[in-house]
Amino acid sequence: MGAVAAIAATASIVGLAAVGYGQRPTAQATHAQTTATPTAKPSPYYYPQASSLLNGVLVPLNSLRVMQRAIALAPGVDVEQAPTLALLTAQLKTTGLGPIRIGMDLDDLEAAGLTPVAIAEASNGQCQYYRIQDYGEPIGLMAIDNQVLRVDVWPGSLTTTRSGIRIGSTERDLVRVYGEQLEATTNPATLGKTVVFTPQDPGEDVYRLVFETDDQGKVTQFRAGQFPSVTWAEGCM
């Protein structure tokens, strides 16, 4: 109970910080390459623009998230007591992230103890982006008509896929893990690639994992969700 209390004590701080912290990664996910030309300049949204003052805020926040993750993974801690703890220990799959399931309604998400908070600047009509209240990881949920269709993992997140891919992994790592189930196209916005994994398991062929890489061949962000919305580089925009 002591560990859970420690998480609860810091939750409001993380939630407040996440409001500002989540906005930049949102822009990264919603500004795309679909209308770009091969000579297009790299999108500024794909690179950190934080001032030294903002870095002074983000560094302690990152340390706090590392501490929370360590507490969540500690022996004897029941992550089911707090849904955000379950998210901290969850790995991204084609079908969702921990208690967040692709296809679930926002009402079901809230009933599971995860409160979605709209990110207005990343939303458009019936297509909306949300963050999770009191959850500091830079994670976004795309929902259309109140149904969750994809989960975005943005720069700075410690979240990994079930196969261990994370922010900073390389294209070589992707090939080693997913092999011939990958398809890659150039991404002028990042000067890297958009790499798509299509599962072959029965019932999962409607889902995808999508990875964005930079000009160094490193993963800058990734997402999971239902085809075709998971492939929309511009998100809701």
C-alpha atoms as a PDB file:
ATOM      1  CA  MET A   1       0.000   0.000   0.000  1.00  0.00           C
ATOM      2  CA  GLY A   2       2.951   2.355   0.672  1.00  0.00           C
ATOM      3  CA  ALA A   3       4.085   2.166  -2.932  1.00  0.00           C
ATOM      4  CA  VAL A   4       0.597   2.850  -4.265  1.00  0.00           C
ATOM      5  CA  ALA A   5       0.267   5.808  -1.887  1.00  0.00           C
ATOM      6  CA  ALA A   6       3.534   7.209  -3.225  1.00  0.00           C
ATOM      7  CA  ILE A   7       2.190   6.994  -6.764  1.00  0.00           C
ATOM      8  CA  ALA A   8      -1.074   8.662  -5.745  1.00  0.00           C
ATOM      9  CA  ALA A   9       0.811  11.508  -4.059  1.00  0.00           C
ATOM     10  CA  THR A  10       2.646  12.356  -7.274  1.00  0.00           C
ATOM     11  CA  ALA A  11      -0.225  11.725  -9.697  1.00  0.00           C
ATOM     12  CA  SER A  12      -1.570  15.276  -9.638  1.00  0.00           C
ATOM     13  CA  ILE A  13       1.907  16.699 -10.337  1.00  0.00           C
ATOM     14  CA  VAL A  14       2.390  14.330 -13.272  1.00  0.00           C
ATOM     15  CA  GLY A  15      -1.059  15.141 -14.632  1.00  0.00           C
ATOM     16  CA  LEU A  16      -0.419  18.873 -14.591  1.00  0.00           C
ATOM     17  CA  ALA A  17       2.975  18.502 -16.222  1.00  0.00           C
ATOM     18  CA  ALA A  18       1.571  16.145 -18.840  1.00  0.00           C
ATOM     19  CA  VAL A  19      -0.777  18.844 -20.121  1.00  0.00           C
ATOM     20  CA  GLY A  20       2.125  20.904 -21.382  1.00  0.00           C
ATOM     21  CA  TYR A  21       4.413  17.991 -22.067  1.00  0.00           C
ATOM     22  CA  GLY A  22       1.875  16.168 -24.200  1.00  0.00           C
ATOM     23  CA  GLN A  23       1.257  19.016 -26.596  1.00  0.00           C
ATOM     24  CA  ARG A  24       4.579  18.864 -28.459  1.00  0.00           C
ATOM     25  CA  PRO A  25       4.461  15.105 -29.112  1.00  0.00           C
ATOM     26  CA  THR A  26       0.860  15.547 -30.251  1.00  0.00           C
ATOM     27  CA  ALA A  27       2.071  17.884 -32.937  1.00  0.00           C
ATOM     28  CA  GLN A  28       4.637  15.300 -33.915  1.00  0.00           C
ATOM     29  CA  ALA A  29       1.924  12.748 -34.493  1.00  0.00           C
ATOM     30  CA  THR A  30      -0.425  15.043 -36.347  1.00  0.00           C
ATOM     31  CA  HIS A  31       1.850  16.836 -38.789  1.00  0.00           C
ATOM     32  CA  ALA A  32       2.614  14.505 -41.614  1.00  0.00           C
ATOM     33  CA  GLN A  33       4.463  13.676 -44.735  1.00  0.00           C
ATOM     34  CA  THR A  34       1.553  12.821 -47.019  1.00  0.00           C
ATOM     35  CA  THR A  35       1.668  16.148 -48.887  1.00  0.00           C
ATOM     36  CA  ALA A  36       5.414  16.618 -48.623  1.00  0.00           C
ATOM     37  CA  THR A  37       7.808  16.356 -51.528  1.00  0.00           C
ATOM     38  CA  PRO A  38      11.186  14.602 -51.515  1.00  0.00           C
ATOM     39  CA  THR A  39      12.827  18.025 -51.193  1.00  0.00           C
ATOM     40  CA  ALA A  40      10.736  19.061 -48.208  1.00  0.00           C
ATOM     41  CA  LYS A  41      12.569  20.354 -45.171  1.00  0.00           C
ATOM     42  CA  PRO A  42      12.402  18.237 -42.022  1.00  0.00           C
ATOM     43  CA  SER A  43       9.297  19.035 -40.000  1.00  0.00           C
ATOM     44  CA  PRO A  44      10.195  21.044 -36.872  1.00  0.00           C
ATOM     45  CA  TYR A  45       7.621  19.038 -34.970  1.00  0.00           C
ATOM     46  CA  TYR A  46       9.809  15.954 -35.117  1.00  0.00           C
ATOM     47  CA  TYR A  47      12.646  17.549 -33.179  1.00  0.00           C
ATOM     48  CA  PRO A  48      12.844  18.875 -29.592  1.00  0.00           C
ATOM     49  CA  GLN A  49      12.203  22.614 -29.450  1.00  0.00           C
ATOM     50  CA  ALA A  50      12.249  23.007 -25.661  1.00  0.00           C
ATOM     51  CA  SER A  51      14.122  25.941 -24.175  1.00  0.00           C
ATOM     52  CA  SER A  52      16.603  25.472 -21.350  1.00  0.00           C
ATOM     53  CA  LEU A  53      13.840  26.467 -18.933  1.00  0.00           C
ATOM     54  CA  LEU A  54      11.513  23.796 -20.302  1.00  0.00           C
ATOM     55  CA  ASN A  55      14.313  21.244 -20.134  1.00  0.00           C
ATOM     56  CA  GLY A  56      14.656  22.120 -16.471  1.00  0.00           C
ATOM     57  CA  VAL A  57      11.057  21.023 -16.038  1.00  0.00           C
ATOM     58  CA  LEU A  58      11.190  17.937 -18.243  1.00  0.00           C
ATOM     59  CA  VAL A  59      14.317  16.392 -16.727  1.00  0.00           C
ATOM     60  CA  PRO A  60      12.767  16.087 -13.231  1.00  0.00           C
ATOM     61  CA  LEU A  61       9.548  14.857 -14.857  1.00  0.00           C
ATOM     62  CA  ASN A  62      11.434  12.097 -16.657  1.00  0.00           C
ATOM     63  CA  SER A  63      13.114  11.139 -13.390  1.00  0.00           C
ATOM     64  CA  LEU A  64       9.717  11.009 -11.721  1.00  0.00           C
ATOM     65  CA  ARG A  65       8.380   8.695 -14.414  1.00  0.00           C
ATOM     66  CA  VAL A  66      11.380   6.406 -14.017  1.00  0.00           C
ATOM     67  CA  MET A  67      10.753   6.324 -10.265  1.00  0.00           C
ATOM     68  CA  GLN A  68       7.071   5.532 -10.783  1.00  0.00           C
ATOM     69  CA  ARG A  69       7.910   2.720 -13.175  1.00  0.00           C
ATOM     70  CA  ALA A  70      10.379   1.259 -10.673  1.00  0.00           C
ATOM     71  CA  ILE A  71       7.716   1.351  -7.948  1.00  0.00           C
ATOM     72  CA  ALA A  72       5.167  -0.271 -10.257  1.00  0.00           C
ATOM     73  CA  LEU A  73       7.589  -3.110 -10.997  1.00  0.00           C
ATOM     74  CA  ALA A  74       8.575  -3.615  -7.356  1.00  0.00           C
ATOM     75  CA  PRO A  75       7.744  -7.014  -5.785  1.00  0.00           C
ATOM     76  CA  GLY A  76       4.451  -7.046  -3.918  1.00  0.00           C
ATOM     77  CA  VAL A  77       2.909  -4.103  -5.763  1.00  0.00           C
ATOM     78  CA  ASP A  78      -0.540  -4.908  -7.164  1.00  0.00           C
ATOM     79  CA  VAL A  79      -0.860  -2.830 -10.324  1.00  0.00           C
ATOM     80  CA  GLU A  80      -4.562  -3.651 -10.499  1.00  0.00           C
ATOM     81  CA  GLN A  81      -5.099  -1.238  -7.595  1.00  0.00           C
ATOM     82  CA  ALA A  82      -4.373   1.690  -9.909  1.00  0.00           C
ATOM     83  CA  PRO A  83      -5.010   1.529 -13.681  1.00  0.00           C
ATOM     84  CA  THR A  84      -2.208   4.005 -14.412  1.00  0.00           C
ATOM     85  CA  LEU A  85       0.209   1.585 -12.730  1.00  0.00           C
ATOM     86  CA  ALA A  86      -0.977  -1.107 -15.129  1.00  0.00           C
ATOM     87  CA  LEU A  87      -0.171   1.251 -18.007  1.00  0.00           C
ATOM     88  CA  LEU A  88       3.338   1.867 -16.666  1.00  0.00           C
ATOM     89  CA  THR A  89       4.111  -1.839 -16.777  1.00  0.00           C
ATOM     90  CA  ALA A  90       2.251  -2.558 -20.035  1.00  0.00           C
ATOM     91  CA  GLN A  91       3.851  -3.222 -23.415  1.00  0.00           C
ATOM     92  CA  LEU A  92       2.314  -1.989 -26.646  1.00  0.00           C
ATOM     93  CA  LYS A  93       0.643  -4.681 -28.749  1.00  0.00           C
ATOM     94  CA  THR A  94      -1.171  -4.430 -32.054  1.00  0.00           C
ATOM     95  CA  THR A  95      -4.434  -4.609 -30.084  1.00  0.00           C
ATOM     96  CA  GLY A  96      -3.675  -2.003 -27.429  1.00  0.00           C
ATOM     97  CA  LEU A  97      -1.723  -1.020 -24.341  1.00  0.00           C
ATOM     98  CA  GLY A  98      -2.569  -2.784 -21.080  1.00  0.00           C
ATOM     99  CA  PRO A  99      -6.168  -1.927 -20.117  1.00  0.00           C
ATOM    100  CA  ILE A 100      -6.506   0.253 -23.245  1.00  0.00           C
ATOM    101  CA  ARG A 101      -7.945  -1.974 -25.970  1.00  0.00           C
ATOM    102  CA  ILE A 102      -8.277  -0.959 -29.601  1.00  0.00           C
ATOM    103  CA  GLY A 103     -12.001  -0.774 -30.350  1.00  0.00           C
ATOM    104  CA  MET A 104     -13.173   0.051 -26.827  1.00  0.00           C
ATOM    105  CA  ASP A 105     -15.487   3.006 -26.180  1.00  0.00           C
ATOM    106  CA  LEU A 106     -14.335   6.012 -24.188  1.00  0.00           C
ATOM    107  CA  ASP A 107     -17.039   5.222 -21.619  1.00  0.00           C
ATOM    108  CA  ASP A 108     -15.500   1.769 -21.137  1.00  0.00           C
ATOM    109  CA  LEU A 109     -12.081   3.382 -20.787  1.00  0.00           C
ATOM    110  CA  GLU A 110     -13.354   5.617 -18.010  1.00  0.00           C
ATOM    111  CA  ALA A 111     -15.134   2.703 -16.364  1.00  0.00           C
ATOM    112  CA  ALA A 112     -11.738   0.981 -16.251  1.00  0.00           C
ATOM    113  CA  GLY A 113     -10.419   3.874 -14.164  1.00  0.00           C
ATOM    114  CA  LEU A 114      -8.653   5.776 -16.962  1.00  0.00           C
ATOM    115  CA  THR A 115     -10.041   9.253 -17.596  1.00  0.00           C
ATOM    116  CA  PRO A 116      -9.485  10.542 -21.156  1.00  0.00           C
ATOM    117  CA  VAL A 117      -8.685  14.252 -21.502  1.00  0.00           C
ATOM    118  CA  ALA A 118      -9.155  15.792 -24.946  1.00  0.00           C
ATOM    119  CA  ILE A 119      -6.181  17.379 -26.740  1.00  0.00           C
ATOM    120  CA  ALA A 120      -8.037  20.057 -28.676  1.00  0.00           C
ATOM    121  CA  GLU A 121      -5.206  21.149 -30.977  1.00  0.00           C
ATOM    122  CA  ALA A 122      -4.776  17.588 -32.268  1.00  0.00           C
ATOM    123  CA  SER A 123      -8.467  16.938 -32.876  1.00  0.00           C
ATOM    124  CA  ASN A 124     -10.711  17.495 -35.872  1.00  0.00           C
ATOM    125  CA  GLY A 125     -14.466  16.880 -35.934  1.00  0.00           C
ATOM    126  CA  GLN A 126     -15.367  13.348 -34.901  1.00  0.00           C
ATOM    127  CA  CYS A 127     -11.677  12.394 -34.809  1.00  0.00           C
ATOM    128  CA  GLN A 128     -10.274  13.293 -31.401  1.00  0.00           C
ATOM    129  CA  TYR A 129      -6.982  12.827 -29.560  1.00  0.00           C
ATOM    130  CA  TYR A 130      -6.834  12.181 -25.820  1.00  0.00           C
ATOM    131  CA  ARG A 131      -4.268  11.804 -23.088  1.00  0.00           C
ATOM    132  CA  ILE A 132      -4.879   9.915 -19.850  1.00  0.00           C
ATOM    133  CA  GLN A 133      -5.468  12.060 -16.785  1.00  0.00           C
ATOM    134  CA  ASP A 134      -2.749  11.787 -14.100  1.00  0.00           C
ATOM    135  CA  TYR A 135      -0.505   9.768 -16.410  1.00  0.00           C
ATOM    136  CA  GLY A 136       2.852  11.329 -17.228  1.00  0.00           C
ATOM    137  CA  GLU A 137       3.929   9.166 -20.175  1.00  0.00           C
ATOM    138  CA  PRO A 138       3.706  10.930 -23.574  1.00  0.00           C
ATOM    139  CA  ILE A 139       0.985   8.644 -24.902  1.00  0.00           C
ATOM    140  CA  GLY A 140      -1.981   9.672 -27.070  1.00  0.00           C
ATOM    141  CA  LEU A 141      -5.218   7.926 -27.967  1.00  0.00           C
ATOM    142  CA  MET A 142      -7.024   8.532 -31.245  1.00  0.00           C
ATOM    143  CA  ALA A 143     -10.783   8.030 -31.091  1.00  0.00           C
ATOM    144  CA  ILE A 144     -13.376   8.358 -33.838  1.00  0.00           C
ATOM    145  CA  ASP A 145     -17.013   8.593 -32.763  1.00  0.00           C
ATOM    146  CA  ASN A 146     -15.824   7.888 -29.185  1.00  0.00           C
ATOM    147  CA  GLN A 147     -14.177   4.580 -30.144  1.00  0.00           C
ATOM    148  CA  VAL A 148     -10.436   4.139 -29.521  1.00  0.00           C
ATOM    149  CA  LEU A 149      -8.780   3.186 -32.815  1.00  0.00           C
ATOM    150  CA  ARG A 150      -5.096   3.713 -32.106  1.00  0.00           C
ATOM    151  CA  VAL A 151      -2.492   4.351 -29.404  1.00  0.00           C
ATOM    152  CA  ASP A 152       0.446   6.670 -30.177  1.00  0.00           C
ATOM    153  CA  VAL A 153       3.776   6.469 -28.325  1.00  0.00           C
ATOM    154  CA  TRP A 154       5.570   9.805 -28.605  1.00  0.00           C
ATOM    155  CA  PRO A 155       9.202  10.889 -28.070  1.00  0.00           C
ATOM    156  CA  GLY A 156      10.324  10.664 -24.464  1.00  0.00           C
ATOM    157  CA  SER A 157       8.135   7.682 -23.633  1.00  0.00           C
ATOM    158  CA  LEU A 158       9.624   4.670 -21.862  1.00  0.00           C
ATOM    159  CA  THR A 159       6.947   2.382 -23.323  1.00  0.00           C
ATOM    160  CA  THR A 160       8.126  -0.590 -25.393  1.00  0.00           C
ATOM    161  CA  THR A 161       6.424  -3.004 -27.733  1.00  0.00           C
ATOM    162  CA  ARG A 162       5.916  -6.618 -26.699  1.00  0.00           C
ATOM    163  CA  SER A 163       9.058  -7.404 -28.717  1.00  0.00           C
ATOM    164  CA  GLY A 164      11.138  -4.764 -26.928  1.00  0.00           C
ATOM    165  CA  ILE A 165      11.159  -1.999 -29.551  1.00  0.00           C
ATOM    166  CA  ARG A 166      11.281   1.476 -28.024  1.00  0.00           C
ATOM    167  CA  ILE A 167      12.041   5.090 -28.865  1.00  0.00           C
ATOM    168  CA  GLY A 168      15.658   5.046 -30.044  1.00  0.00           C
ATOM    169  CA  SER A 169      15.584   1.504 -31.450  1.00  0.00           C
ATOM    170  CA  THR A 170      17.057   1.169 -34.941  1.00  0.00           C
ATOM    171  CA  GLU A 171      15.690   0.014 -38.274  1.00  0.00           C
ATOM    172  CA  ARG A 172      18.033  -2.949 -37.924  1.00  0.00           C
ATOM    173  CA  ASP A 173      16.277  -3.795 -34.641  1.00  0.00           C
ATOM    174  CA  LEU A 174      12.930  -3.697 -36.453  1.00  0.00           C
ATOM    175  CA  VAL A 175      14.145  -6.100 -39.143  1.00  0.00           C
ATOM    176  CA  ARG A 176      15.643  -8.429 -36.544  1.00  0.00           C
ATOM    177  CA  VAL A 177      12.383  -8.578 -34.580  1.00  0.00           C
ATOM    178  CA  TYR A 178       9.707  -8.452 -37.296  1.00  0.00           C
ATOM    179  CA  GLY A 179      11.543  -9.710 -40.372  1.00  0.00           C
ATOM    180  CA  GLU A 180       9.595 -10.102 -43.595  1.00  0.00           C
ATOM    181  CA  GLN A 181       6.359  -8.851 -42.032  1.00  0.00           C
ATOM    182  CA  LEU A 182       7.605  -5.274 -42.465  1.00  0.00           C
ATOM    183  CA  GLU A 183       6.887  -2.803 -45.240  1.00  0.00           C
ATOM    184  CA  ALA A 184       8.811   0.475 -45.406  1.00  0.00           C
ATOM    185  CA  THR A 185       8.308   3.713 -47.320  1.00  0.00           C
ATOM    186  CA  THR A 186      10.369   6.903 -47.279  1.00  0.00           C
ATOM    187  CA  ASN A 187       9.159   9.727 -45.056  1.00  0.00           C
ATOM    188  CA  PRO A 188      10.312  13.139 -46.343  1.00  0.00           C
ATOM    189  CA  ALA A 189       9.055  14.847 -43.178  1.00  0.00           C
ATOM    190  CA  THR A 190      11.554  12.972 -40.997  1.00  0.00           C
ATOM    191  CA  LEU A 191      14.133  12.143 -43.707  1.00  0.00           C
ATOM    192  CA  GLY A 192      13.672   8.586 -42.485  1.00  0.00           C
ATOM    193  CA  LYS A 193      11.086   5.884 -43.061  1.00  0.00           C
ATOM    194  CA  THR A 194       7.589   4.836 -42.104  1.00  0.00           C
ATOM    195  CA  VAL A 195       7.822   1.132 -41.253  1.00  0.00           C
ATOM    196  CA  VAL A 196       4.637  -0.934 -40.951  1.00  0.00           C
ATOM    197  CA  PHE A 197       4.317  -4.325 -39.262  1.00  0.00           C
ATOM    198  CA  THR A 198       1.316  -6.472 -40.247  1.00  0.00           C
ATOM    199  CA  PRO A 199       0.598  -9.413 -37.915  1.00  0.00           C
ATOM    200  CA  GLN A 200      -0.225 -12.816 -39.350  1.00  0.00           C
ATOM    201  CA  ASP A 201      -2.040 -14.254 -36.345  1.00  0.00           C
ATOM    202  CA  PRO A 202      -5.710 -15.099 -37.024  1.00  0.00           C
ATOM    203  CA  GLY A 203      -7.978 -12.201 -36.123  1.00  0.00           C
ATOM    204  CA  GLU A 204      -5.128  -9.671 -35.907  1.00  0.00           C
ATOM    205  CA  ASP A 205      -4.743  -8.868 -39.591  1.00  0.00           C
ATOM    206  CA  VAL A 206      -6.864  -5.720 -39.177  1.00  0.00           C
ATOM    207  CA  TYR A 207      -4.255  -4.261 -36.809  1.00  0.00           C
ATOM    208  CA  ARG A 208      -0.841  -2.735 -37.431  1.00  0.00           C
ATOM    209  CA  LEU A 209       2.254  -1.452 -35.666  1.00  0.00           C
ATOM    210  CA  VAL A 210       3.676   1.648 -37.360  1.00  0.00           C
ATOM    211  CA  PHE A 211       7.155   3.032 -36.639  1.00  0.00           C
ATOM    212  CA  GLU A 212       8.546   6.411 -37.731  1.00  0.00           C
ATOM    213  CA  THR A 213      12.339   6.689 -38.063  1.00  0.00           C
ATOM    214  CA  ASP A 214      14.672   9.643 -38.588  1.00  0.00           C
ATOM    215  CA  ASP A 215      17.606  10.205 -40.936  1.00  0.00           C
ATOM    216  CA  GLN A 216      19.812   8.163 -38.584  1.00  0.00           C
ATOM    217  CA  GLY A 217      17.509   5.155 -38.857  1.00  0.00           C
ATOM    218  CA  LYS A 218      16.296   5.459 -35.262  1.00  0.00           C
ATOM    219  CA  VAL A 219      12.682   5.130 -34.112  1.00  0.00           C
ATOM    220  CA  THR A 220      11.301   8.531 -33.095  1.00  0.00           C
ATOM    221  CA  GLN A 221       7.711   7.466 -32.373  1.00  0.00           C
ATOM    222  CA  PHE A 222       5.425   4.522 -32.981  1.00  0.00           C
ATOM    223  CA  ARG A 223       1.797   3.512 -32.752  1.00  0.00           C
ATOM    224  CA  ALA A 224      -0.594   0.580 -32.741  1.00  0.00           C
ATOM    225  CA  GLY A 225      -4.147   0.368 -33.935  1.00  0.00           C
ATOM    226  CA  GLN A 226      -6.754  -0.577 -36.449  1.00  0.00           C
ATOM    227  CA  PHE A 227      -6.193  -0.282 -40.179  1.00  0.00           C
ATOM    228  CA  PRO A 228      -6.492   2.163 -41.904  1.00  0.00           C
ATOM    229  CA  SER A 229      -6.546   4.834 -39.154  1.00  0.00           C
ATOM    230  CA  VAL A 230      -3.259   3.620 -37.669  1.00  0.00           C
ATOM    231  CA  THR A 231      -1.508   4.466 -40.948  1.00  0.00           C
ATOM    232  CA  TRP A 232      -2.711   8.082 -41.046  1.00  0.00           C
ATOM    233  CA  ALA A 233       0.522  10.015 -40.663  1.00  0.00           C
ATOM    234  CA  GLU A 234      -1.382  13.243 -40.030  1.00  0.00           C
ATOM    235  CA  GLY A 235      -3.447  11.734 -37.242  1.00  0.00           C
ATOM    236  CA  CYS A 236      -6.791  13.537 -37.094  1.00  0.00           C
ATOM    237  CA  MET A 237      -5.625  16.559 -39.087  1.00  0.00           C
END
